[in-house]
Amino acid sequence: QVTLMESGGGLVQAGGSLRLSCAAPRRLISRSTMGWFRQAPGKEREFVAALAGSNGSTRYADFVQGRFTISRDDTKNGISLQMNSLKPEDTAVYFCVTDVRIVDGVGRVFGSWGVGTQVTVSS
């Protein structure tokens, strides 16, 4: 069983920034494509970003490109998601995930999900 622990969520005004963190075993970070999904109220979960542990390549959803940055944080044994220029529509529960794969242009999770951390962006 894989345990993922997200942190860093909170309340921020539009235009502000938050940094989410996900603690995970180093072996998963190195060998798995980890990433972030989110789920807004009344909506389905959607892909946000992914990071390939093997080569460090990244992939982002179109709606976050240029605003969010996914990276590896070796000092904390995890990955992070730096979110800038936040918008009210970014309000959602953000989940750390493992084994992200792009299937027919859609990000899917073949591994594990974290419990999630709430991000709320006010107008």
PDB file of N, CA and C in Angstrom:
ATOM      1  N   GLN A   1       0.829  -1.177   0.000  1.00  0.00           N
ATOM      2  CA  GLN A   1       0.000   0.000   0.000  1.00  0.00           C
ATOM      3  C   GLN A   1       0.878   1.246   0.000  1.00  0.00           C
ATOM      4  N   VAL A   2       0.533   2.203  -0.859  1.00  0.00           N
ATOM      5  CA  VAL A   2       1.274   3.449  -0.983  1.00  0.00           C
ATOM      6  C   VAL A   2       0.547   4.538  -0.219  1.00  0.00           C
ATOM      7  N   THR A   3       1.303   5.281   0.580  1.00  0.00           N
ATOM      8  CA  THR A   3       0.743   6.387   1.335  1.00  0.00           C
ATOM      9  C   THR A   3       1.309   7.701   0.815  1.00  0.00           C
ATOM     10  N   LEU A   4       0.427   8.571   0.360  1.00  0.00           N
ATOM     11  CA  LEU A   4       0.801   9.886  -0.137  1.00  0.00           C
ATOM     12  C   LEU A   4       0.166  10.936   0.756  1.00  0.00           C
ATOM     13  N   MET A   5       0.944  11.939   1.138  1.00  0.00           N
ATOM     14  CA  MET A   5       0.455  12.975   2.040  1.00  0.00           C
ATOM     15  C   MET A   5       0.631  14.352   1.430  1.00  0.00           C
ATOM     16  N   GLU A   6      -0.481  14.963   1.057  1.00  0.00           N
ATOM     17  CA  GLU A   6      -0.459  16.315   0.498  1.00  0.00           C
ATOM     18  C   GLU A   6      -0.529  17.346   1.615  1.00  0.00           C
ATOM     19  N   SER A   7       0.063  18.507   1.351  1.00  0.00           N
ATOM     20  CA  SER A   7       0.000  19.622   2.281  1.00  0.00           C
ATOM     21  C   SER A   7       0.189  20.921   1.507  1.00  0.00           C
ATOM     22  N   GLY A   8      -0.120  22.023   2.150  1.00  0.00           N
ATOM     23  CA  GLY A   8       0.094  23.331   1.541  1.00  0.00           C
ATOM     24  C   GLY A   8      -1.152  24.009   1.030  1.00  0.00           C
ATOM     25  N   GLY A   9      -2.284  23.323   1.062  1.00  0.00           N
ATOM     26  CA  GLY A   9      -3.516  23.942   0.621  1.00  0.00           C
ATOM     27  C   GLY A   9      -3.965  25.013   1.592  1.00  0.00           C
ATOM     28  N   GLY A  10      -4.909  25.821   1.143  1.00  0.00           N
ATOM     29  CA  GLY A  10      -5.413  26.885   1.988  1.00  0.00           C
ATOM     30  C   GLY A  10      -6.247  27.868   1.212  1.00  0.00           C
ATOM     31  N   LEU A  11      -6.479  29.010   1.829  1.00  0.00           N
ATOM     32  CA  LEU A  11      -7.271  30.080   1.234  1.00  0.00           C
ATOM     33  C   LEU A  11      -6.352  31.192   0.755  1.00  0.00           C
ATOM     34  N   VAL A  12      -6.549  31.617  -0.486  1.00  0.00           N
ATOM     35  CA  VAL A  12      -5.728  32.676  -1.058  1.00  0.00           C
ATOM     36  C   VAL A  12      -6.593  33.545  -1.967  1.00  0.00           C
ATOM     37  N   GLN A  13      -6.242  34.805  -2.087  1.00  0.00           N
ATOM     38  CA  GLN A  13      -6.963  35.709  -2.969  1.00  0.00           C
ATOM     39  C   GLN A  13      -6.548  35.491  -4.418  1.00  0.00           C
ATOM     40  N   ALA A  14      -7.439  35.825  -5.327  1.00  0.00           N
ATOM     41  CA  ALA A  14      -7.128  35.719  -6.747  1.00  0.00           C
ATOM     42  C   ALA A  14      -5.850  36.485  -7.072  1.00  0.00           C
ATOM     43  N   GLY A  15      -4.990  35.855  -7.872  1.00  0.00           N
ATOM     44  CA  GLY A  15      -3.709  36.447  -8.205  1.00  0.00           C
ATOM     45  C   GLY A  15      -2.591  36.033  -7.276  1.00  0.00           C
ATOM     46  N   GLY A  16      -2.936  35.385  -6.185  1.00  0.00           N
ATOM     47  CA  GLY A  16      -1.945  34.954  -5.225  1.00  0.00           C
ATOM     48  C   GLY A  16      -1.314  33.628  -5.581  1.00  0.00           C
ATOM     49  N   SER A  17      -0.504  33.117  -4.660  1.00  0.00           N
ATOM     50  CA  SER A  17       0.248  31.887  -4.905  1.00  0.00           C
ATOM     51  C   SER A  17       0.135  30.918  -3.740  1.00  0.00           C
ATOM     52  N   LEU A  18       0.286  29.646  -4.052  1.00  0.00           N
ATOM     53  CA  LEU A  18       0.361  28.587  -3.065  1.00  0.00           C
ATOM     54  C   LEU A  18       1.353  27.543  -3.557  1.00  0.00           C
ATOM     55  N   ARG A  19       1.962  26.846  -2.630  1.00  0.00           N
ATOM     56  CA  ARG A  19       2.867  25.761  -2.967  1.00  0.00           C
ATOM     57  C   ARG A  19       2.378  24.497  -2.281  1.00  0.00           C
ATOM     58  N   LEU A  20       2.003  23.513  -3.074  1.00  0.00           N
ATOM     59  CA  LEU A  20       1.555  22.237  -2.553  1.00  0.00           C
ATOM     60  C   LEU A  20       2.723  21.265  -2.503  1.00  0.00           C
ATOM     61  N   SER A  21       2.731  20.417  -1.491  1.00  0.00           N
ATOM     62  CA  SER A  21       3.777  19.412  -1.352  1.00  0.00           C
ATOM     63  C   SER A  21       3.155  18.037  -1.199  1.00  0.00           C
ATOM     64  N   CYS A  22       3.885  17.031  -1.630  1.00  0.00           N
ATOM     65  CA  CYS A  22       3.442  15.652  -1.521  1.00  0.00           C
ATOM     66  C   CYS A  22       4.623  14.802  -1.076  1.00  0.00           C
ATOM     67  N   ALA A  23       4.516  14.223   0.106  1.00  0.00           N
ATOM     68  CA  ALA A  23       5.550  13.328   0.609  1.00  0.00           C
ATOM     69  C   ALA A  23       5.321  11.922   0.073  1.00  0.00           C
ATOM     70  N   ALA A  24       6.372  11.308  -0.445  1.00  0.00           N
ATOM     71  CA  ALA A  24       6.261   9.986  -1.032  1.00  0.00           C
ATOM     72  C   ALA A  24       7.587   9.246  -0.926  1.00  0.00           C
ATOM     73  N   PRO A  25       7.563   7.923  -0.972  1.00  0.00           N
ATOM     74  CA  PRO A  25       8.807   7.160  -0.954  1.00  0.00           C
ATOM     75  C   PRO A  25       9.692   7.536  -2.125  1.00  0.00           C
ATOM     76  N   ARG A  26      10.988   7.612  -1.883  1.00  0.00           N
ATOM     77  CA  ARG A  26      11.914   8.014  -2.932  1.00  0.00           C
ATOM     78  C   ARG A  26      11.873   7.087  -4.139  1.00  0.00           C
ATOM     79  N   ARG A  27      11.630   5.803  -3.907  1.00  0.00           N
ATOM     80  CA  ARG A  27      11.584   4.871  -5.018  1.00  0.00           C
ATOM     81  C   ARG A  27      10.457   5.191  -5.992  1.00  0.00           C
ATOM     82  N   LEU A  28       9.355   5.700  -5.488  1.00  0.00           N
ATOM     83  CA  LEU A  28       8.249   6.074  -6.355  1.00  0.00           C
ATOM     84  C   LEU A  28       8.585   7.339  -7.137  1.00  0.00           C
ATOM     85  N   ILE A  29       9.233   8.272  -6.478  1.00  0.00           N
ATOM     86  CA  ILE A  29       9.611   9.521  -7.124  1.00  0.00           C
ATOM     87  C   ILE A  29      10.590   9.259  -8.266  1.00  0.00           C
ATOM     88  N   SER A  30      11.499   8.336  -8.062  1.00  0.00           N
ATOM     89  CA  SER A  30      12.527   8.042  -9.049  1.00  0.00           C
ATOM     90  C   SER A  30      12.030   7.179 -10.201  1.00  0.00           C
ATOM     91  N   ARG A  31      11.120   6.267  -9.918  1.00  0.00           N
ATOM     92  CA  ARG A  31      10.714   5.285 -10.917  1.00  0.00           C
ATOM     93  C   ARG A  31       9.333   5.532 -11.513  1.00  0.00           C
ATOM     94  N   SER A  32       8.547   6.342 -10.883  1.00  0.00           N
ATOM     95  CA  SER A  32       7.177   6.552 -11.326  1.00  0.00           C
ATOM     96  C   SER A  32       6.972   7.951 -11.886  1.00  0.00           C
ATOM     97  N   THR A  33       5.989   8.078 -12.748  1.00  0.00           N
ATOM     98  CA  THR A  33       5.548   9.387 -13.198  1.00  0.00           C
ATOM     99  C   THR A  33       4.482   9.857 -12.214  1.00  0.00           C
ATOM    100  N   MET A  34       4.864  10.771 -11.352  1.00  0.00           N
ATOM    101  CA  MET A  34       3.954  11.291 -10.349  1.00  0.00           C
ATOM    102  C   MET A  34       3.315  12.578 -10.838  1.00  0.00           C
ATOM    103  N   GLY A  35       2.256  12.980 -10.172  1.00  0.00           N
ATOM    104  CA  GLY A  35       1.607  14.195 -10.613  1.00  0.00           C
ATOM    105  C   GLY A  35       0.506  14.663  -9.703  1.00  0.00           C
ATOM    106  N   TRP A  36      -0.260  15.581 -10.237  1.00  0.00           N
ATOM    107  CA  TRP A  36      -1.360  16.198  -9.506  1.00  0.00           C
ATOM    108  C   TRP A  36      -2.633  16.185 -10.335  1.00  0.00           C
ATOM    109  N   PHE A  37      -3.724  15.839  -9.698  1.00  0.00           N
ATOM    110  CA  PHE A  37      -5.061  15.969 -10.242  1.00  0.00           C
ATOM    111  C   PHE A  37      -5.841  16.876  -9.317  1.00  0.00           C
ATOM    112  N   ARG A  38      -6.979  17.360  -9.786  1.00  0.00           N
ATOM    113  CA  ARG A  38      -7.826  18.173  -8.923  1.00  0.00           C
ATOM    114  C   ARG A  38      -9.288  17.885  -9.212  1.00  0.00           C
ATOM    115  N   GLN A  39     -10.126  18.185  -8.232  1.00  0.00           N
ATOM    116  CA  GLN A  39     -11.563  18.000  -8.390  1.00  0.00           C
ATOM    117  C   GLN A  39     -12.284  19.183  -7.772  1.00  0.00           C
ATOM    118  N   ALA A  40     -12.955  19.956  -8.615  1.00  0.00           N
ATOM    119  CA  ALA A  40     -13.737  21.091  -8.169  1.00  0.00           C
ATOM    120  C   ALA A  40     -15.134  20.615  -7.796  1.00  0.00           C
ATOM    121  N   PRO A  41     -15.839  21.382  -6.970  1.00  0.00           N
ATOM    122  CA  PRO A  41     -17.196  20.989  -6.575  1.00  0.00           C
ATOM    123  C   PRO A  41     -18.101  20.764  -7.779  1.00  0.00           C
ATOM    124  N   GLY A  42     -18.763  19.618  -7.812  1.00  0.00           N
ATOM    125  CA  GLY A  42     -19.678  19.313  -8.890  1.00  0.00           C
ATOM    126  C   GLY A  42     -19.028  18.897 -10.195  1.00  0.00           C
ATOM    127  N   LYS A  43     -17.710  18.752 -10.203  1.00  0.00           N
ATOM    128  CA  LYS A  43     -17.011  18.381 -11.422  1.00  0.00           C
ATOM    129  C   LYS A  43     -16.209  17.103 -11.232  1.00  0.00           C
ATOM    130  N   GLU A  44     -15.811  16.507 -12.351  1.00  0.00           N
ATOM    131  CA  GLU A  44     -14.996  15.307 -12.304  1.00  0.00           C
ATOM    132  C   GLU A  44     -13.540  15.667 -12.039  1.00  0.00           C
ATOM    133  N   ARG A  45     -12.795  14.687 -11.576  1.00  0.00           N
ATOM    134  CA  ARG A  45     -11.376  14.898 -11.377  1.00  0.00           C
ATOM    135  C   ARG A  45     -10.688  15.131 -12.715  1.00  0.00           C
ATOM    136  N   GLU A  46      -9.727  16.050 -12.735  1.00  0.00           N
ATOM    137  CA  GLU A  46      -9.037  16.377 -13.959  1.00  0.00           C
ATOM    138  C   GLU A  46      -7.538  16.462 -13.747  1.00  0.00           C
ATOM    139  N   PHE A  47      -6.807  16.167 -14.793  1.00  0.00           N
ATOM    140  CA  PHE A  47      -5.359  16.186 -14.769  1.00  0.00           C
ATOM    141  C   PHE A  47      -4.843  17.610 -14.652  1.00  0.00           C
ATOM    142  N   VAL A  48      -3.790  17.793 -13.852  1.00  0.00           N
ATOM    143  CA  VAL A  48      -3.178  19.102 -13.674  1.00  0.00           C
ATOM    144  C   VAL A  48      -1.742  19.111 -14.189  1.00  0.00           C
ATOM    145  N   ALA A  49      -0.914  18.203 -13.673  1.00  0.00           N
ATOM    146  CA  ALA A  49       0.493  18.176 -14.054  1.00  0.00           C
ATOM    147  C   ALA A  49       1.101  16.824 -13.731  1.00  0.00           C
ATOM    148  N   ALA A  50       2.201  16.489 -14.414  1.00  0.00           N
ATOM    149  CA  ALA A  50       2.898  15.230 -14.172  1.00  0.00           C
ATOM    150  C   ALA A  50       4.400  15.434 -14.283  1.00  0.00           C
ATOM    151  N   LEU A  51       5.144  14.610 -13.564  1.00  0.00           N
ATOM    152  CA  LEU A  51       6.604  14.658 -13.551  1.00  0.00           C
ATOM    153  C   LEU A  51       7.143  13.247 -13.659  1.00  0.00           C
ATOM    154  N   ALA A  52       7.944  12.984 -14.684  1.00  0.00           N
ATOM    155  CA  ALA A  52       8.553  11.674 -14.882  1.00  0.00           C
ATOM    156  C   ALA A  52       9.830  11.575 -14.065  1.00  0.00           C
ATOM    157  N   GLY A  53       9.843  10.649 -13.104  1.00  0.00           N
ATOM    158  CA  GLY A  53      11.008  10.496 -12.253  1.00  0.00           C
ATOM    159  C   GLY A  53      12.239  10.021 -12.995  1.00  0.00           C
ATOM    160  N   SER A  54      12.057   9.315 -14.095  1.00  0.00           N
ATOM    161  CA  SER A  54      13.172   8.752 -14.838  1.00  0.00           C
ATOM    162  C   SER A  54      14.031   9.804 -15.522  1.00  0.00           C
ATOM    163  N   ASN A  55      13.409  10.849 -16.037  1.00  0.00           N
ATOM    164  CA  ASN A  55      14.160  11.860 -16.776  1.00  0.00           C
ATOM    165  C   ASN A  55      13.808  13.298 -16.421  1.00  0.00           C
ATOM    166  N   GLY A  56      12.849  13.494 -15.522  1.00  0.00           N
ATOM    167  CA  GLY A  56      12.488  14.830 -15.091  1.00  0.00           C
ATOM    168  C   GLY A  56      11.601  15.596 -16.036  1.00  0.00           C
ATOM    169  N   SER A  57      11.112  14.954 -17.079  1.00  0.00           N
ATOM    170  CA  SER A  57      10.234  15.638 -18.019  1.00  0.00           C
ATOM    171  C   SER A  57       8.900  15.952 -17.358  1.00  0.00           C
ATOM    172  N   THR A  58       8.273  17.017 -17.801  1.00  0.00           N
ATOM    173  CA  THR A  58       7.009  17.459 -17.217  1.00  0.00           C
ATOM    174  C   THR A  58       5.943  17.603 -18.278  1.00  0.00           C
ATOM    175  N   ARG A  59       4.691  17.560 -17.819  1.00  0.00           N
ATOM    176  CA  ARG A  59       3.556  17.755 -18.687  1.00  0.00           C
ATOM    177  C   ARG A  59       2.487  18.489 -17.896  1.00  0.00           C
ATOM    178  N   TYR A  60       1.807  19.416 -18.560  1.00  0.00           N
ATOM    179  CA  TYR A  60       0.799  20.226 -17.893  1.00  0.00           C
ATOM    180  C   TYR A  60      -0.501  20.253 -18.671  1.00  0.00           C
ATOM    181  N   ALA A  61      -1.592  20.405 -17.943  1.00  0.00           N
ATOM    182  CA  ALA A  61      -2.867  20.657 -18.579  1.00  0.00           C
ATOM    183  C   ALA A  61      -2.831  22.048 -19.193  1.00  0.00           C
ATOM    184  N   ASP A  62      -3.570  22.233 -20.267  1.00  0.00           N
ATOM    185  CA  ASP A  62      -3.551  23.512 -20.969  1.00  0.00           C
ATOM    186  C   ASP A  62      -3.951  24.674 -20.075  1.00  0.00           C
ATOM    187  N   PHE A  63      -4.875  24.447 -19.180  1.00  0.00           N
ATOM    188  CA  PHE A  63      -5.390  25.551 -18.384  1.00  0.00           C
ATOM    189  C   PHE A  63      -4.440  26.021 -17.288  1.00  0.00           C
ATOM    190  N   VAL A  64      -3.365  25.278 -17.022  1.00  0.00           N
ATOM    191  CA  VAL A  64      -2.400  25.703 -16.000  1.00  0.00           C
ATOM    192  C   VAL A  64      -1.037  26.048 -16.588  1.00  0.00           C
ATOM    193  N   GLN A  65      -0.825  25.781 -17.838  1.00  0.00           N
ATOM    194  CA  GLN A  65       0.462  26.058 -18.479  1.00  0.00           C
ATOM    195  C   GLN A  65       0.852  27.518 -18.273  1.00  0.00           C
ATOM    196  N   GLY A  66       2.066  27.722 -17.759  1.00  0.00           N
ATOM    197  CA  GLY A  66       2.553  29.065 -17.536  1.00  0.00           C
ATOM    198  C   GLY A  66       2.262  29.616 -16.155  1.00  0.00           C
ATOM    199  N   ARG A  67       1.369  28.957 -15.408  1.00  0.00           N
ATOM    200  CA  ARG A  67       1.040  29.414 -14.060  1.00  0.00           C
ATOM    201  C   ARG A  67       1.526  28.457 -12.984  1.00  0.00           C
ATOM    202  N   PHE A  68       1.497  27.160 -13.273  1.00  0.00           N
ATOM    203  CA  PHE A  68       1.890  26.145 -12.293  1.00  0.00           C
ATOM    204  C   PHE A  68       3.203  25.496 -12.707  1.00  0.00           C
ATOM    205  N   THR A  69       3.964  25.052 -11.724  1.00  0.00           N
ATOM    206  CA  THR A  69       5.212  24.349 -11.976  1.00  0.00           C
ATOM    207  C   THR A  69       5.313  23.138 -11.059  1.00  0.00           C
ATOM    208  N   ILE A  70       5.480  21.957 -11.644  1.00  0.00           N
ATOM    209  CA  ILE A  70       5.672  20.746 -10.864  1.00  0.00           C
ATOM    210  C   ILE A  70       7.162  20.457 -10.795  1.00  0.00           C
ATOM    211  N   SER A  71       7.637  20.027  -9.640  1.00  0.00           N
ATOM    212  CA  SER A  71       9.055  19.756  -9.478  1.00  0.00           C
ATOM    213  C   SER A  71       9.286  18.716  -8.396  1.00  0.00           C
ATOM    214  N   ARG A  72      10.492  18.173  -8.384  1.00  0.00           N
ATOM    215  CA  ARG A  72      10.887  17.222  -7.359  1.00  0.00           C
ATOM    216  C   ARG A  72      11.572  17.957  -6.236  1.00  0.00           C
ATOM    217  N   ASP A  73      11.250  17.576  -5.012  1.00  0.00           N
ATOM    218  CA  ASP A  73      11.852  18.174  -3.832  1.00  0.00           C
ATOM    219  C   ASP A  73      12.562  17.072  -3.062  1.00  0.00           C
ATOM    220  N   ASP A  74      13.840  16.876  -3.360  1.00  0.00           N
ATOM    221  CA  ASP A  74      14.603  15.792  -2.745  1.00  0.00           C
ATOM    222  C   ASP A  74      14.789  15.979  -1.241  1.00  0.00           C
ATOM    223  N   THR A  75      14.897  17.216  -0.799  1.00  0.00           N
ATOM    224  CA  THR A  75      15.121  17.475   0.620  1.00  0.00           C
ATOM    225  C   THR A  75      13.933  17.065   1.467  1.00  0.00           C
ATOM    226  N   LYS A  76      12.765  16.995   0.865  1.00  0.00           N
ATOM    227  CA  LYS A  76      11.561  16.617   1.588  1.00  0.00           C
ATOM    228  C   LYS A  76      10.998  15.274   1.122  1.00  0.00           C
ATOM    229  N   ASN A  77      11.741  14.565   0.283  1.00  0.00           N
ATOM    230  CA  ASN A  77      11.301  13.269  -0.242  1.00  0.00           C
ATOM    231  C   ASN A  77       9.913  13.359  -0.851  1.00  0.00           C
ATOM    232  N   GLY A  78       9.774  14.243  -1.814  1.00  0.00           N
ATOM    233  CA  GLY A  78       8.470  14.383  -2.430  1.00  0.00           C
ATOM    234  C   GLY A  78       8.493  15.234  -3.682  1.00  0.00           C
ATOM    235  N   ILE A  79       7.314  15.628  -4.101  1.00  0.00           N
ATOM    236  CA  ILE A  79       7.161  16.522  -5.227  1.00  0.00           C
ATOM    237  C   ILE A  79       6.345  17.717  -4.778  1.00  0.00           C
ATOM    238  N   SER A  80       6.400  18.776  -5.561  1.00  0.00           N
ATOM    239  CA  SER A  80       5.663  19.979  -5.213  1.00  0.00           C
ATOM    240  C   SER A  80       4.956  20.536  -6.431  1.00  0.00           C
ATOM    241  N   LEU A  81       3.999  21.390  -6.174  1.00  0.00           N
ATOM    242  CA  LEU A  81       3.290  22.100  -7.235  1.00  0.00           C
ATOM    243  C   LEU A  81       3.231  23.560  -6.831  1.00  0.00           C
ATOM    244  N   GLN A  82       4.033  24.379  -7.498  1.00  0.00           N
ATOM    245  CA  GLN A  82       4.009  25.818  -7.263  1.00  0.00           C
ATOM    246  C   GLN A  82       2.918  26.417  -8.127  1.00  0.00           C
ATOM    247  N   MET A  83       1.961  27.077  -7.503  1.00  0.00           N
ATOM    248  CA  MET A  83       0.825  27.643  -8.214  1.00  0.00           C
ATOM    249  C   MET A  83       0.843  29.153  -8.063  1.00  0.00           C
ATOM    250  N   ASN A  84       0.964  29.843  -9.183  1.00  0.00           N
ATOM    251  CA  ASN A  84       0.969  31.299  -9.214  1.00  0.00           C
ATOM    252  C   ASN A  84      -0.226  31.800 -10.013  1.00  0.00           C
ATOM    253  N   SER A  85      -0.517  33.075  -9.851  1.00  0.00           N
ATOM    254  CA  SER A  85      -1.633  33.705 -10.568  1.00  0.00           C
ATOM    255  C   SER A  85      -2.912  32.894 -10.440  1.00  0.00           C
ATOM    256  N   LEU A  86      -3.214  32.505  -9.237  1.00  0.00           N
ATOM    257  CA  LEU A  86      -4.380  31.659  -8.993  1.00  0.00           C
ATOM    258  C   LEU A  86      -5.681  32.381  -9.313  1.00  0.00           C
ATOM    259  N   LYS A  87      -6.634  31.605  -9.816  1.00  0.00           N
ATOM    260  CA  LYS A  87      -7.944  32.112 -10.191  1.00  0.00           C
ATOM    261  C   LYS A  87      -9.016  31.414  -9.370  1.00  0.00           C
ATOM    262  N   PRO A  88     -10.179  32.034  -9.211  1.00  0.00           N
ATOM    263  CA  PRO A  88     -11.260  31.381  -8.463  1.00  0.00           C
ATOM    264  C   PRO A  88     -11.600  30.001  -9.021  1.00  0.00           C
ATOM    265  N   GLU A  89     -11.494  29.807 -10.327  1.00  0.00           N
ATOM    266  CA  GLU A  89     -11.790  28.519 -10.927  1.00  0.00           C
ATOM    267  C   GLU A  89     -10.754  27.449 -10.600  1.00  0.00           C
ATOM    268  N   ASP A  90      -9.659  27.831  -9.960  1.00  0.00           N
ATOM    269  CA  ASP A  90      -8.674  26.863  -9.498  1.00  0.00           C
ATOM    270  C   ASP A  90      -9.093  26.219  -8.180  1.00  0.00           C
ATOM    271  N   THR A  91     -10.154  26.721  -7.587  1.00  0.00           N
ATOM    272  CA  THR A  91     -10.648  26.166  -6.336  1.00  0.00           C
ATOM    273  C   THR A  91     -11.020  24.699  -6.525  1.00  0.00           C
ATOM    274  N   ALA A  92     -10.405  23.835  -5.726  1.00  0.00           N
ATOM    275  CA  ALA A  92     -10.617  22.401  -5.859  1.00  0.00           C
ATOM    276  C   ALA A  92      -9.831  21.674  -4.779  1.00  0.00           C
ATOM    277  N   VAL A  93     -10.107  20.392  -4.660  1.00  0.00           N
ATOM    278  CA  VAL A  93      -9.264  19.518  -3.858  1.00  0.00           C
ATOM    279  C   VAL A  93      -8.177  18.993  -4.776  1.00  0.00           C
ATOM    280  N   TYR A  94      -6.938  19.160  -4.375  1.00  0.00           N
ATOM    281  CA  TYR A  94      -5.809  18.730  -5.192  1.00  0.00           C
ATOM    282  C   TYR A  94      -5.236  17.434  -4.644  1.00  0.00           C
ATOM    283  N   PHE A  95      -5.049  16.463  -5.536  1.00  0.00           N
ATOM    284  CA  PHE A  95      -4.583  15.138  -5.162  1.00  0.00           C
ATOM    285  C   PHE A  95      -3.202  14.847  -5.735  1.00  0.00           C
ATOM    286  N   CYS A  96      -2.335  14.314  -4.925  1.00  0.00           N
ATOM    287  CA  CYS A  96      -1.056  13.783  -5.379  1.00  0.00           C
ATOM    288  C   CYS A  96      -1.282  12.350  -5.843  1.00  0.00           C
ATOM    289  N   VAL A  97      -0.714  11.991  -6.980  1.00  0.00           N
ATOM    290  CA  VAL A  97      -0.950  10.667  -7.545  1.00  0.00           C
ATOM    291  C   VAL A  97       0.345  10.054  -8.062  1.00  0.00           C
ATOM    292  N   THR A  98       0.320   8.733  -8.247  1.00  0.00           N
ATOM    293  CA  THR A  98       1.456   8.022  -8.814  1.00  0.00           C
ATOM    294  C   THR A  98       1.046   7.328 -10.106  1.00  0.00           C
ATOM    295  N   ASP A  99       2.032   7.025 -10.934  1.00  0.00           N
ATOM    296  CA  ASP A  99       1.841   6.319 -12.195  1.00  0.00           C
ATOM    297  C   ASP A  99       0.798   6.994 -13.075  1.00  0.00           C
ATOM    298  N   VAL A 100       1.093   8.212 -13.481  1.00  0.00           N
ATOM    299  CA  VAL A 100       0.236   8.940 -14.403  1.00  0.00           C
ATOM    300  C   VAL A 100       0.593   8.551 -15.831  1.00  0.00           C
ATOM    301  N   ARG A 101      -0.416   8.259 -16.623  1.00  0.00           N
ATOM    302  CA  ARG A 101      -0.207   7.928 -18.021  1.00  0.00           C
ATOM    303  C   ARG A 101      -1.174   8.724 -18.880  1.00  0.00           C
ATOM    304  N   ILE A 102      -0.706   9.114 -20.048  1.00  0.00           N
ATOM    305  CA  ILE A 102      -1.545   9.838 -20.987  1.00  0.00           C
ATOM    306  C   ILE A 102      -2.136   8.828 -21.953  1.00  0.00           C
ATOM    307  N   VAL A 103      -3.427   8.665 -21.897  1.00  0.00           N
ATOM    308  CA  VAL A 103      -4.136   7.720 -22.745  1.00  0.00           C
ATOM    309  C   VAL A 103      -5.113   8.494 -23.623  1.00  0.00           C
ATOM    310  N   ASP A 104      -4.899   8.414 -24.927  1.00  0.00           N
ATOM    311  CA  ASP A 104      -5.743   9.136 -25.886  1.00  0.00           C
ATOM    312  C   ASP A 104      -5.823  10.620 -25.542  1.00  0.00           C
ATOM    313  N   GLY A 105      -4.692  11.182 -25.126  1.00  0.00           N
ATOM    314  CA  GLY A 105      -4.628  12.600 -24.825  1.00  0.00           C
ATOM    315  C   GLY A 105      -5.176  12.991 -23.472  1.00  0.00           C
ATOM    316  N   VAL A 106      -5.589  12.015 -22.671  1.00  0.00           N
ATOM    317  CA  VAL A 106      -6.166  12.283 -21.362  1.00  0.00           C
ATOM    318  C   VAL A 106      -5.309  11.661 -20.275  1.00  0.00           C
ATOM    319  N   GLY A 107      -4.982  12.419 -19.252  1.00  0.00           N
ATOM    320  CA  GLY A 107      -4.209  11.908 -18.144  1.00  0.00           C
ATOM    321  C   GLY A 107      -5.032  10.962 -17.286  1.00  0.00           C
ATOM    322  N   ARG A 108      -4.465   9.804 -16.988  1.00  0.00           N
ATOM    323  CA  ARG A 108      -5.135   8.807 -16.168  1.00  0.00           C
ATOM    324  C   ARG A 108      -4.171   8.295 -15.114  1.00  0.00           C
ATOM    325  N   VAL A 109      -4.720   7.835 -13.993  1.00  0.00           N
ATOM    326  CA  VAL A 109      -3.920   7.354 -12.886  1.00  0.00           C
ATOM    327  C   VAL A 109      -3.998   5.843 -12.808  1.00  0.00           C
ATOM    328  N   PHE A 110      -2.846   5.192 -12.893  1.00  0.00           N
ATOM    329  CA  PHE A 110      -2.770   3.746 -12.790  1.00  0.00           C
ATOM    330  C   PHE A 110      -2.181   3.311 -11.454  1.00  0.00           C
ATOM    331  N   GLY A 111      -1.834   4.279 -10.623  1.00  0.00           N
ATOM    332  CA  GLY A 111      -1.245   3.986  -9.334  1.00  0.00           C
ATOM    333  C   GLY A 111      -2.151   4.340  -8.177  1.00  0.00           C
ATOM    334  N   SER A 112      -1.657   5.190  -7.289  1.00  0.00           N
ATOM    335  CA  SER A 112      -2.372   5.517  -6.058  1.00  0.00           C
ATOM    336  C   SER A 112      -2.738   6.991  -5.973  1.00  0.00           C
ATOM    337  N   TRP A 113      -3.738   7.259  -5.139  1.00  0.00           N
ATOM    338  CA  TRP A 113      -4.215   8.616  -4.878  1.00  0.00           C
ATOM    339  C   TRP A 113      -3.952   8.996  -3.428  1.00  0.00           C
ATOM    340  N   GLY A 114      -3.592  10.247  -3.222  1.00  0.00           N
ATOM    341  CA  GLY A 114      -3.490  10.760  -1.876  1.00  0.00           C
ATOM    342  C   GLY A 114      -4.860  11.158  -1.371  1.00  0.00           C
ATOM    343  N   VAL A 115      -4.919  11.623  -0.132  1.00  0.00           N
ATOM    344  CA  VAL A 115      -6.181  12.024   0.467  1.00  0.00           C
ATOM    345  C   VAL A 115      -6.669  13.353  -0.104  1.00  0.00           C
ATOM    346  N   GLY A 116      -5.752  14.213  -0.482  1.00  0.00           N
ATOM    347  CA  GLY A 116      -6.107  15.492  -1.072  1.00  0.00           C
ATOM    348  C   GLY A 116      -5.944  16.650  -0.110  1.00  0.00           C
ATOM    349  N   THR A 117      -5.755  17.838  -0.671  1.00  0.00           N
ATOM    350  CA  THR A 117      -5.658  19.059   0.115  1.00  0.00           C
ATOM    351  C   THR A 117      -6.495  20.137  -0.559  1.00  0.00           C
ATOM    352  N   GLN A 118      -7.239  20.881   0.239  1.00  0.00           N
ATOM    353  CA  GLN A 118      -8.173  21.871  -0.290  1.00  0.00           C
ATOM    354  C   GLN A 118      -7.477  23.170  -0.652  1.00  0.00           C
ATOM    355  N   VAL A 119      -7.751  23.651  -1.859  1.00  0.00           N
ATOM    356  CA  VAL A 119      -7.283  24.957  -2.312  1.00  0.00           C
ATOM    357  C   VAL A 119      -8.505  25.802  -2.614  1.00  0.00           C
ATOM    358  N   THR A 120      -8.601  26.948  -1.978  1.00  0.00           N
ATOM    359  CA  THR A 120      -9.723  27.850  -2.192  1.00  0.00           C
ATOM    360  C   THR A 120      -9.205  29.220  -2.593  1.00  0.00           C
ATOM    361  N   VAL A 121      -9.660  29.698  -3.745  1.00  0.00           N
ATOM    362  CA  VAL A 121      -9.226  30.992  -4.262  1.00  0.00           C
ATOM    363  C   VAL A 121     -10.417  31.931  -4.260  1.00  0.00           C
ATOM    364  N   SER A 122     -10.316  33.010  -3.520  1.00  0.00           N
ATOM    365  CA  SER A 122     -11.399  33.972  -3.421  1.00  0.00           C
ATOM    366  C   SER A 122     -11.275  35.040  -4.495  1.00  0.00           C
ATOM    367  N   SER A 123     -12.396  35.682  -4.802  1.00  0.00           N
ATOM    368  CA  SER A 123     -12.419  36.724  -5.833  1.00  0.00           C
ATOM    369  C   SER A 123     -11.747  37.993  -5.341  1.00  0.00           C
TER     370      SER A 123
END
